[in-house]
C-alpha cells in the first residue's frame, strides 16, 4: 500500500515538473485580416504552458475603437501525452470595428 502511494506521489510530482519546465508562449490572433468598418471578427489571446493560475493578471489592450459583441470568453485545456504535460488558456472576444 505504501509503495502504491509513493508511486502515485512521484507521478504527480513528475507531471507538475513537466508543466513548469515547458516553455511558456503568448499568442494574439484574429480570424480576419484586414478588417473593414462594421466587420465582425474574433480576437484571441492564448497562453501556453503558463502554469496554475495562468492569465489571472492578463492585462488586455484598450478596445475602445471596437464594439465588444461577445467576451471575454475563456477556455482552458491540459494534456498529458507520453509523459509530457502541456496546458493552455485562451481568452476570446468577438469585436466589430467602429472606424
PDB file of N, CA and C in Angstrom:
ATOM      1  N   UNK A   1       0.822  -1.193   0.000  1.00  0.00           N
ATOM      2  CA  UNK A   1       0.000   0.000   0.000  1.00  0.00           C
ATOM      3  C   UNK A   1       0.866   1.258   0.000  1.00  0.00           C
ATOM      4  N   UNK A   2       1.906   1.282   0.852  1.00  0.00           N
ATOM      5  CA  UNK A   2       2.799   2.445   0.900  1.00  0.00           C
ATOM      6  C   UNK A   2       3.510   2.637  -0.434  1.00  0.00           C
ATOM      7  N   UNK A   3       3.846   1.528  -1.063  1.00  0.00           N
ATOM      8  CA  UNK A   3       4.542   1.611  -2.343  1.00  0.00           C
ATOM      9  C   UNK A   3       3.652   2.243  -3.412  1.00  0.00           C
ATOM     10  N   UNK A   4       2.374   1.871  -3.424  1.00  0.00           N
ATOM     11  CA  UNK A   4       1.429   2.420  -4.387  1.00  0.00           C
ATOM     12  C   UNK A   4       1.263   3.931  -4.164  1.00  0.00           C
ATOM     13  N   UNK A   5       1.178   4.371  -2.918  1.00  0.00           N
ATOM     14  CA  UNK A   5       1.052   5.793  -2.604  1.00  0.00           C
ATOM     15  C   UNK A   5       2.302   6.531  -3.058  1.00  0.00           C
ATOM     16  N   UNK A   6       3.469   5.972  -2.808  1.00  0.00           N
ATOM     17  CA  UNK A   6       4.728   6.600  -3.213  1.00  0.00           C
ATOM     18  C   UNK A   6       4.800   6.741  -4.728  1.00  0.00           C
ATOM     19  N   UNK A   7       4.385   5.717  -5.439  1.00  0.00           N
ATOM     20  CA  UNK A   7       4.406   5.768  -6.906  1.00  0.00           C
ATOM     21  C   UNK A   7       3.454   6.862  -7.404  1.00  0.00           C
ATOM     22  N   UNK A   8       2.262   6.957  -6.813  1.00  0.00           N
ATOM     23  CA  UNK A   8       1.316   7.993  -7.222  1.00  0.00           C
ATOM     24  C   UNK A   8       1.857   9.387  -6.942  1.00  0.00           C
ATOM     25  N   UNK A   9       2.498   9.578  -5.803  1.00  0.00           N
ATOM     26  CA  UNK A   9       3.082  10.881  -5.468  1.00  0.00           C
ATOM     27  C   UNK A   9       4.178  11.233  -6.468  1.00  0.00           C
ATOM     28  N   UNK A  10       5.010  10.279  -6.821  1.00  0.00           N
ATOM     29  CA  UNK A  10       6.074  10.533  -7.790  1.00  0.00           C
ATOM     30  C   UNK A  10       5.500  10.873  -9.169  1.00  0.00           C
ATOM     31  N   UNK A  11       4.432  10.216  -9.574  1.00  0.00           N
ATOM     32  CA  UNK A  11       3.812  10.522 -10.864  1.00  0.00           C
ATOM     33  C   UNK A  11       3.249  11.943 -10.882  1.00  0.00           C
ATOM     34  N   UNK A  12       2.596  12.342  -9.803  1.00  0.00           N
ATOM     35  CA  UNK A  12       2.051  13.700  -9.734  1.00  0.00           C
ATOM     36  C   UNK A  12       3.170  14.730  -9.740  1.00  0.00           C
ATOM     37  N   UNK A  13       4.232  14.484  -8.999  1.00  0.00           N
ATOM     38  CA  UNK A  13       5.363  15.420  -8.968  1.00  0.00           C
ATOM     39  C   UNK A  13       6.007  15.532 -10.342  1.00  0.00           C
ATOM     40  N   UNK A  14       6.133  14.431 -11.047  1.00  0.00           N
ATOM     41  CA  UNK A  14       6.707  14.444 -12.390  1.00  0.00           C
ATOM     42  C   UNK A  14       5.825  15.254 -13.338  1.00  0.00           C
ATOM     43  N   UNK A  15       4.515  15.088 -13.224  1.00  0.00           N
ATOM     44  CA  UNK A  15       3.599  15.838 -14.084  1.00  0.00           C
ATOM     45  C   UNK A  15       3.712  17.332 -13.810  1.00  0.00           C
ATOM     46  N   UNK A  16       3.765  17.749 -12.552  1.00  0.00           N
ATOM     47  CA  UNK A  16       3.888  19.178 -12.223  1.00  0.00           C
ATOM     48  C   UNK A  16       5.225  19.731 -12.680  1.00  0.00           C
ATOM     49  N   UNK A  17       6.290  18.934 -12.557  1.00  0.00           N
ATOM     50  CA  UNK A  17       7.594  19.391 -13.042  1.00  0.00           C
ATOM     51  C   UNK A  17       7.538  19.619 -14.545  1.00  0.00           C
ATOM     52  N   UNK A  18       6.898  18.696 -15.269  1.00  0.00           N
ATOM     53  CA  UNK A  18       6.776  18.840 -16.716  1.00  0.00           C
ATOM     54  C   UNK A  18       5.982  20.070 -17.098  1.00  0.00           C
ATOM     55  N   UNK A  19       4.978  20.408 -16.294  1.00  0.00           N
ATOM     56  CA  UNK A  19       4.163  21.587 -16.573  1.00  0.00           C
ATOM     57  C   UNK A  19       4.990  22.855 -16.441  1.00  0.00           C
ATOM     58  N   UNK A  20       5.801  22.948 -15.412  1.00  0.00           N
ATOM     59  CA  UNK A  20       6.584  24.155 -15.186  1.00  0.00           C
ATOM     60  C   UNK A  20       7.877  24.191 -15.987  1.00  0.00           C
ATOM     61  N   UNK A  21       8.332  23.044 -16.461  1.00  0.00           N
ATOM     62  CA  UNK A  21       9.570  23.009 -17.235  1.00  0.00           C
ATOM     63  C   UNK A  21       9.335  23.359 -18.702  1.00  0.00           C
ATOM     64  N   UNK A  22       8.085  23.310 -19.141  1.00  0.00           N
ATOM     65  CA  UNK A  22       7.775  23.601 -20.543  1.00  0.00           C
ATOM     66  C   UNK A  22       7.945  25.088 -20.828  1.00  0.00           C
ATOM     67  N   UNK A  23       8.154  25.411 -22.079  1.00  0.00           N
ATOM     68  CA  UNK A  23       8.312  26.803 -22.487  1.00  0.00           C
ATOM     69  C   UNK A  23       6.960  27.495 -22.535  1.00  0.00           C
ATOM     70  N   UNK A  24       6.882  28.664 -21.905  1.00  0.00           N
ATOM     71  CA  UNK A  24       5.657  29.445 -21.922  1.00  0.00           C
ATOM     72  C   UNK A  24       5.634  30.306 -23.174  1.00  0.00           C
ATOM     73  N   UNK A  25       4.463  30.376 -23.828  1.00  0.00           N
ATOM     74  CA  UNK A  25       4.312  31.217 -25.007  1.00  0.00           C
ATOM     75  C   UNK A  25       3.009  32.012 -24.920  1.00  0.00           C
ATOM     76  N   UNK A  26       2.987  33.158 -25.586  1.00  0.00           N
ATOM     77  CA  UNK A  26       1.797  34.002 -25.678  1.00  0.00           C
ATOM     78  C   UNK A  26       1.548  34.284 -27.146  1.00  0.00           C
ATOM     79  N   UNK A  27       0.283  34.128 -27.566  1.00  0.00           N
ATOM     80  CA  UNK A  27      -0.073  34.373 -28.953  1.00  0.00           C
ATOM     81  C   UNK A  27      -1.349  35.208 -29.006  1.00  0.00           C
ATOM     82  N   UNK A  28      -1.354  36.227 -29.834  1.00  0.00           N
ATOM     83  CA  UNK A  28      -2.558  37.003 -30.120  1.00  0.00           C
ATOM     84  C   UNK A  28      -2.873  36.797 -31.593  1.00  0.00           C
ATOM     85  N   UNK A  29      -4.159  36.562 -31.914  1.00  0.00           N
ATOM     86  CA  UNK A  29      -4.516  36.309 -33.302  1.00  0.00           C
ATOM     87  C   UNK A  29      -5.930  36.810 -33.601  1.00  0.00           C
ATOM     88  N   UNK A  30      -6.188  37.049 -34.873  1.00  0.00           N
ATOM     89  CA  UNK A  30      -7.519  37.414 -35.357  1.00  0.00           C
ATOM     90  C   UNK A  30      -7.903  36.434 -36.456  1.00  0.00           C
ATOM     91  N   UNK A  31      -9.208  36.266 -36.646  1.00  0.00           N
ATOM     92  CA  UNK A  31      -9.653  35.331 -37.672  1.00  0.00           C
ATOM     93  C   UNK A  31      -9.899  35.998 -39.025  1.00  0.00           C
ATOM     94  N   UNK A  32      -9.712  37.329 -39.079  1.00  0.00           N
ATOM     95  CA  UNK A  32      -9.954  38.058 -40.322  1.00  0.00           C
ATOM     96  C   UNK A  32      -8.955  39.209 -40.402  1.00  0.00           C
ATOM     97  N   UNK A  33      -8.286  39.352 -41.532  1.00  0.00           N
ATOM     98  CA  UNK A  33      -7.313  40.426 -41.697  1.00  0.00           C
ATOM     99  C   UNK A  33      -7.208  40.744 -43.184  1.00  0.00           C
ATOM    100  N   UNK A  34      -7.478  41.939 -43.622  1.00  0.00           N
ATOM    101  CA  UNK A  34      -7.824  43.148 -42.882  1.00  0.00           C
ATOM    102  C   UNK A  34      -9.288  43.139 -42.456  1.00  0.00           C
ATOM    103  N   UNK A  35      -9.617  44.103 -41.590  1.00  0.00           N
ATOM    104  CA  UNK A  35     -10.974  44.255 -41.085  1.00  0.00           C
ATOM    105  C   UNK A  35     -11.498  45.607 -41.532  1.00  0.00           C
ATOM    106  N   UNK A  36     -12.689  45.631 -42.128  1.00  0.00           N
ATOM    107  CA  UNK A  36     -13.307  46.882 -42.567  1.00  0.00           C
ATOM    108  C   UNK A  36     -14.259  47.422 -41.516  1.00  0.00           C
ATOM    109  N   UNK A  37     -14.731  48.646 -41.723  1.00  0.00           N
ATOM    110  CA  UNK A  37     -15.690  49.264 -40.815  1.00  0.00           C
ATOM    111  C   UNK A  37     -16.938  48.391 -40.737  1.00  0.00           C
ATOM    112  N   UNK A  38     -17.406  48.171 -39.524  1.00  0.00           N
ATOM    113  CA  UNK A  38     -18.592  47.355 -39.219  1.00  0.00           C
ATOM    114  C   UNK A  38     -18.377  45.855 -39.427  1.00  0.00           C
ATOM    115  N   UNK A  39     -17.181  45.430 -39.796  1.00  0.00           N
ATOM    116  CA  UNK A  39     -16.904  43.998 -39.910  1.00  0.00           C
ATOM    117  C   UNK A  39     -16.793  43.379 -38.520  1.00  0.00           C
ATOM    118  N   UNK A  40     -17.273  42.156 -38.404  1.00  0.00           N
ATOM    119  CA  UNK A  40     -17.133  41.388 -37.158  1.00  0.00           C
ATOM    120  C   UNK A  40     -15.954  40.446 -37.297  1.00  0.00           C
ATOM    121  N   UNK A  41     -15.218  40.289 -36.207  1.00  0.00           N
ATOM    122  CA  UNK A  41     -14.079  39.370 -36.213  1.00  0.00           C
ATOM    123  C   UNK A  41     -13.825  38.862 -34.807  1.00  0.00           C
ATOM    124  N   UNK A  42     -13.015  37.834 -34.706  1.00  0.00           N
ATOM    125  CA  UNK A  42     -12.682  37.232 -33.425  1.00  0.00           C
ATOM    126  C   UNK A  42     -11.224  37.523 -33.092  1.00  0.00           C
ATOM    127  N   UNK A  43     -10.999  38.020 -31.874  1.00  0.00           N
ATOM    128  CA  UNK A  43      -9.656  38.301 -31.361  1.00  0.00           C
ATOM    129  C   UNK A  43      -9.382  37.321 -30.239  1.00  0.00           C
ATOM    130  N   UNK A  44      -8.265  36.595 -30.328  1.00  0.00           N
ATOM    131  CA  UNK A  44      -7.924  35.580 -29.331  1.00  0.00           C
ATOM    132  C   UNK A  44      -6.554  35.839 -28.729  1.00  0.00           C
ATOM    133  N   UNK A  45      -6.450  35.627 -27.425  1.00  0.00           N
ATOM    134  CA  UNK A  45      -5.187  35.686 -26.695  1.00  0.00           C
ATOM    135  C   UNK A  45      -4.983  34.324 -26.057  1.00  0.00           C
ATOM    136  N   UNK A  46      -3.847  33.681 -26.340  1.00  0.00           N
ATOM    137  CA  UNK A  46      -3.592  32.337 -25.819  1.00  0.00           C
ATOM    138  C   UNK A  46      -2.275  32.299 -25.049  1.00  0.00           C
ATOM    139  N   UNK A  47      -2.338  31.755 -23.835  1.00  0.00           N
ATOM    140  CA  UNK A  47      -1.150  31.490 -23.023  1.00  0.00           C
ATOM    141  C   UNK A  47      -0.946  29.986 -22.982  1.00  0.00           C
ATOM    142  N   UNK A  48       0.238  29.528 -23.382  1.00  0.00           N
ATOM    143  CA  UNK A  48       0.534  28.098 -23.350  1.00  0.00           C
ATOM    144  C   UNK A  48       1.613  27.836 -22.310  1.00  0.00           C
ATOM    145  N   UNK A  49       1.385  26.780 -21.526  1.00  0.00           N
ATOM    146  CA  UNK A  49       2.348  26.305 -20.523  1.00  0.00           C
ATOM    147  C   UNK A  49       2.726  27.384 -19.519  1.00  0.00           C
ATOM    148  N   UNK A  50       1.737  28.146 -19.055  1.00  0.00           N
ATOM    149  CA  UNK A  50       1.992  29.222 -18.097  1.00  0.00           C
ATOM    150  C   UNK A  50       1.806  28.770 -16.653  1.00  0.00           C
ATOM    151  N   UNK A  51       1.380  27.543 -16.428  1.00  0.00           N
ATOM    152  CA  UNK A  51       1.224  27.036 -15.073  1.00  0.00           C
ATOM    153  C   UNK A  51      -0.129  27.364 -14.469  1.00  0.00           C
ATOM    154  N   UNK A  52      -0.285  26.993 -13.204  1.00  0.00           N
ATOM    155  CA  UNK A  52      -1.550  27.205 -12.500  1.00  0.00           C
ATOM    156  C   UNK A  52      -1.850  28.695 -12.364  1.00  0.00           C
ATOM    157  N   UNK A  53      -3.092  29.058 -12.542  1.00  0.00           N
ATOM    158  CA  UNK A  53      -3.497  30.462 -12.411  1.00  0.00           C
ATOM    159  C   UNK A  53      -3.116  31.322 -13.594  1.00  0.00           C
ATOM    160  N   UNK A  54      -2.805  30.703 -14.701  1.00  0.00           N
ATOM    161  CA  UNK A  54      -2.370  31.457 -15.882  1.00  0.00           C
ATOM    162  C   UNK A  54      -3.443  32.421 -16.347  1.00  0.00           C
ATOM    163  N   UNK A  55      -3.044  33.602 -16.648  1.00  0.00           N
ATOM    164  CA  UNK A  55      -3.945  34.582 -17.214  1.00  0.00           C
ATOM    165  C   UNK A  55      -4.747  35.396 -16.221  1.00  0.00           C
ATOM    166  N   UNK A  56      -4.607  35.131 -14.942  1.00  0.00           N
ATOM    167  CA  UNK A  56      -5.372  35.892 -13.955  1.00  0.00           C
ATOM    168  C   UNK A  56      -5.077  37.379 -14.011  1.00  0.00           C
ATOM    169  N   UNK A  57      -3.833  37.730 -14.208  1.00  0.00           N
ATOM    170  CA  UNK A  57      -3.424  39.133 -14.234  1.00  0.00           C
ATOM    171  C   UNK A  57      -3.168  39.641 -15.645  1.00  0.00           C
ATOM    172  N   UNK A  58      -3.731  38.954 -16.618  1.00  0.00           N
ATOM    173  CA  UNK A  58      -3.542  39.351 -18.004  1.00  0.00           C
ATOM    174  C   UNK A  58      -4.208  40.705 -18.244  1.00  0.00           C
ATOM    175  N   UNK A  59      -3.438  41.667 -18.702  1.00  0.00           N
ATOM    176  CA  UNK A  59      -3.968  42.998 -18.992  1.00  0.00           C
ATOM    177  C   UNK A  59      -4.144  43.122 -20.497  1.00  0.00           C
ATOM    178  N   UNK A  60      -5.383  43.238 -20.896  1.00  0.00           N
ATOM    179  CA  UNK A  60      -5.702  43.288 -22.311  1.00  0.00           C
ATOM    180  C   UNK A  60      -5.570  44.706 -22.837  1.00  0.00           C
ATOM    181  N   UNK A  61      -5.315  44.845 -24.130  1.00  0.00           N
ATOM    182  CA  UNK A  61      -5.180  46.186 -24.717  1.00  0.00           C
ATOM    183  C   UNK A  61      -6.519  46.922 -24.688  1.00  0.00           C
ATOM    184  N   UNK A  62      -6.448  48.233 -24.842  1.00  0.00           N
ATOM    185  CA  UNK A  62      -7.643  49.075 -24.891  1.00  0.00           C
ATOM    186  C   UNK A  62      -8.420  48.755 -26.165  1.00  0.00           C
ATOM    187  N   UNK A  63      -9.683  48.416 -26.006  1.00  0.00           N
ATOM    188  CA  UNK A  63     -10.523  48.039 -27.144  1.00  0.00           C
ATOM    189  C   UNK A  63     -11.560  49.119 -27.456  1.00  0.00           C
ATOM    190  N   UNK A  64     -11.240  50.392 -27.171  1.00  0.00           N
ATOM    191  CA  UNK A  64     -12.202  51.489 -27.330  1.00  0.00           C
ATOM    192  C   UNK A  64     -12.586  51.749 -28.789  1.00  0.00           C
ATOM    193  N   UNK A  65     -11.781  51.307 -29.736  1.00  0.00           N
ATOM    194  CA  UNK A  65     -12.084  51.510 -31.153  1.00  0.00           C
ATOM    195  C   UNK A  65     -12.975  50.407 -31.724  1.00  0.00           C
ATOM    196  N   UNK A  66     -13.448  49.528 -30.835  1.00  0.00           N
ATOM    197  CA  UNK A  66     -14.262  48.397 -31.270  1.00  0.00           C
ATOM    198  C   UNK A  66     -15.513  48.288 -30.406  1.00  0.00           C
ATOM    199  N   UNK A  67     -16.558  47.738 -30.984  1.00  0.00           N
ATOM    200  CA  UNK A  67     -17.753  47.373 -30.230  1.00  0.00           C
ATOM    201  C   UNK A  67     -17.537  45.921 -29.793  1.00  0.00           C
ATOM    202  N   UNK A  68     -17.640  45.673 -28.491  1.00  0.00           N
ATOM    203  CA  UNK A  68     -17.465  44.308 -27.979  1.00  0.00           C
ATOM    204  C   UNK A  68     -18.815  43.603 -28.075  1.00  0.00           C
ATOM    205  N   UNK A  69     -18.900  42.644 -28.985  1.00  0.00           N
ATOM    206  CA  UNK A  69     -20.137  41.893 -29.206  1.00  0.00           C
ATOM    207  C   UNK A  69     -20.209  40.662 -28.325  1.00  0.00           C
ATOM    208  N   UNK A  70     -19.060  40.166 -27.909  1.00  0.00           N
ATOM    209  CA  UNK A  70     -19.012  38.991 -27.042  1.00  0.00           C
ATOM    210  C   UNK A  70     -17.660  38.867 -26.387  1.00  0.00           C
ATOM    211  N   UNK A  71     -17.673  38.371 -25.162  1.00  0.00           N
ATOM    212  CA  UNK A  71     -16.424  38.117 -24.485  1.00  0.00           C
ATOM    213  C   UNK A  71     -16.185  39.036 -23.307  1.00  0.00           C
ATOM    214  N   UNK A  72     -15.125  38.776 -22.591  1.00  0.00           N
ATOM    215  CA  UNK A  72     -14.150  37.738 -22.902  1.00  0.00           C
ATOM    216  C   UNK A  72     -14.674  36.343 -22.547  1.00  0.00           C
ATOM    217  N   UNK A  73     -14.482  35.417 -23.456  1.00  0.00           N
ATOM    218  CA  UNK A  73     -14.793  34.012 -23.215  1.00  0.00           C
ATOM    219  C   UNK A  73     -13.482  33.300 -22.918  1.00  0.00           C
ATOM    220  N   UNK A  74     -13.491  32.440 -21.931  1.00  0.00           N
ATOM    221  CA  UNK A  74     -12.268  31.759 -21.514  1.00  0.00           C
ATOM    222  C   UNK A  74     -12.409  30.261 -21.735  1.00  0.00           C
ATOM    223  N   UNK A  75     -11.359  29.664 -22.281  1.00  0.00           N
ATOM    224  CA  UNK A  75     -11.294  28.210 -22.379  1.00  0.00           C
ATOM    225  C   UNK A  75      -9.913  27.769 -21.929  1.00  0.00           C
ATOM    226  N   UNK A  76      -9.839  26.597 -21.358  1.00  0.00           N
ATOM    227  CA  UNK A  76      -8.548  26.083 -20.898  1.00  0.00           C
ATOM    228  C   UNK A  76      -8.460  24.595 -21.207  1.00  0.00           C
ATOM    229  N   UNK A  77      -7.225  24.124 -21.346  1.00  0.00           N
ATOM    230  CA  UNK A  77      -7.008  22.702 -21.603  1.00  0.00           C
ATOM    231  C   UNK A  77      -5.693  22.262 -20.976  1.00  0.00           C
ATOM    232  N   UNK A  78      -5.630  20.979 -20.666  1.00  0.00           N
ATOM    233  CA  UNK A  78      -4.407  20.368 -20.150  1.00  0.00           C
ATOM    234  C   UNK A  78      -4.293  18.989 -20.785  1.00  0.00           C
ATOM    235  N   UNK A  79      -3.096  18.659 -21.263  1.00  0.00           N
ATOM    236  CA  UNK A  79      -2.875  17.380 -21.930  1.00  0.00           C
ATOM    237  C   UNK A  79      -1.673  16.672 -21.319  1.00  0.00           C
ATOM    238  N   UNK A  80      -1.785  15.364 -21.216  1.00  0.00           N
ATOM    239  CA  UNK A  80      -0.671  14.501 -20.848  1.00  0.00           C
ATOM    240  C   UNK A  80      -0.441  13.571 -22.031  1.00  0.00           C
ATOM    241  N   UNK A  81       0.658  13.766 -22.755  1.00  0.00           N
ATOM    242  CA  UNK A  81       0.961  12.929 -23.907  1.00  0.00           C
ATOM    243  C   UNK A  81       2.365  12.367 -23.734  1.00  0.00           C
ATOM    244  N   UNK A  82       2.459  11.050 -23.635  1.00  0.00           N
ATOM    245  CA  UNK A  82       3.743  10.367 -23.446  1.00  0.00           C
ATOM    246  C   UNK A  82       4.538  10.956 -22.291  1.00  0.00           C
ATOM    247  N   UNK A  83       3.855  11.275 -21.203  1.00  0.00           N
ATOM    248  CA  UNK A  83       4.518  11.796 -20.012  1.00  0.00           C
ATOM    249  C   UNK A  83       4.835  13.283 -20.062  1.00  0.00           C
ATOM    250  N   UNK A  84       4.480  13.942 -21.154  1.00  0.00           N
ATOM    251  CA  UNK A  84       4.735  15.376 -21.291  1.00  0.00           C
ATOM    252  C   UNK A  84       3.427  16.122 -21.042  1.00  0.00           C
ATOM    253  N   UNK A  85       3.485  17.103 -20.158  1.00  0.00           N
ATOM    254  CA  UNK A  85       2.305  17.881 -19.806  1.00  0.00           C
ATOM    255  C   UNK A  85       2.318  19.199 -20.564  1.00  0.00           C
ATOM    256  N   UNK A  86       1.183  19.564 -21.145  1.00  0.00           N
ATOM    257  CA  UNK A  86       1.051  20.880 -21.767  1.00  0.00           C
ATOM    258  C   UNK A  86      -0.309  21.445 -21.376  1.00  0.00           C
ATOM    259  N   UNK A  87      -0.371  22.769 -21.292  1.00  0.00           N
ATOM    260  CA  UNK A  87      -1.621  23.415 -20.906  1.00  0.00           C
ATOM    261  C   UNK A  87      -1.773  24.705 -21.696  1.00  0.00           C
ATOM    262  N   UNK A  88      -3.024  25.176 -21.787  1.00  0.00           N
ATOM    263  CA  UNK A  88      -3.256  26.456 -22.443  1.00  0.00           C
ATOM    264  C   UNK A  88      -4.510  27.098 -21.869  1.00  0.00           C
ATOM    265  N   UNK A  89      -4.507  28.432 -21.894  1.00  0.00           N
ATOM    266  CA  UNK A  89      -5.668  29.237 -21.522  1.00  0.00           C
ATOM    267  C   UNK A  89      -5.878  30.229 -22.656  1.00  0.00           C
ATOM    268  N   UNK A  90      -7.110  30.318 -23.165  1.00  0.00           N
ATOM    269  CA  UNK A  90      -7.416  31.210 -24.275  1.00  0.00           C
ATOM    270  C   UNK A  90      -8.565  32.132 -23.896  1.00  0.00           C
ATOM    271  N   UNK A  91      -8.380  33.421 -24.176  1.00  0.00           N
ATOM    272  CA  UNK A  91      -9.424  34.424 -23.996  1.00  0.00           C
ATOM    273  C   UNK A  91      -9.828  34.909 -25.377  1.00  0.00           C
ATOM    274  N   UNK A  92     -11.131  34.903 -25.652  1.00  0.00           N
ATOM    275  CA  UNK A  92     -11.628  35.243 -26.975  1.00  0.00           C
ATOM    276  C   UNK A  92     -12.672  36.352 -26.899  1.00  0.00           C
ATOM    277  N   UNK A  93     -12.561  37.312 -27.805  1.00  0.00           N
ATOM    278  CA  UNK A  93     -13.532  38.397 -27.953  1.00  0.00           C
ATOM    279  C   UNK A  93     -14.105  38.358 -29.361  1.00  0.00           C
ATOM    280  N   UNK A  94     -15.372  38.694 -29.494  1.00  0.00           N
ATOM    281  CA  UNK A  94     -15.979  38.951 -30.798  1.00  0.00           C
ATOM    282  C   UNK A  94     -16.155  40.470 -30.859  1.00  0.00           C
ATOM    283  N   UNK A  95     -15.518  41.087 -31.851  1.00  0.00           N
ATOM    284  CA  UNK A  95     -15.484  42.540 -31.945  1.00  0.00           C
ATOM    285  C   UNK A  95     -16.040  43.019 -33.284  1.00  0.00           C
ATOM    286  N   UNK A  96     -16.408  44.284 -33.292  1.00  0.00           N
ATOM    287  CA  UNK A  96     -16.843  44.943 -34.526  1.00  0.00           C
ATOM    288  C   UNK A  96     -16.102  46.271 -34.615  1.00  0.00           C
ATOM    289  N   UNK A  97     -15.502  46.520 -35.763  1.00  0.00           N
ATOM    290  CA  UNK A  97     -14.720  47.758 -35.951  1.00  0.00           C
ATOM    291  C   UNK A  97     -15.643  48.952 -36.016  1.00  0.00           C
ATOM    292  N   UNK A  98     -15.294  50.023 -35.267  1.00  0.00           N
ATOM    293  CA  UNK A  98     -16.070  51.278 -35.303  1.00  0.00           C
ATOM    294  C   UNK A  98     -15.625  52.180 -36.445  1.00  0.00           C
ATOM    295  N   UNK A  99     -14.350  52.175 -36.732  1.00  0.00           N
ATOM    296  CA  UNK A  99     -13.819  53.082 -37.769  1.00  0.00           C
ATOM    297  C   UNK A  99     -12.779  52.379 -38.610  1.00  0.00           C
TER     298      UNK A  99
END
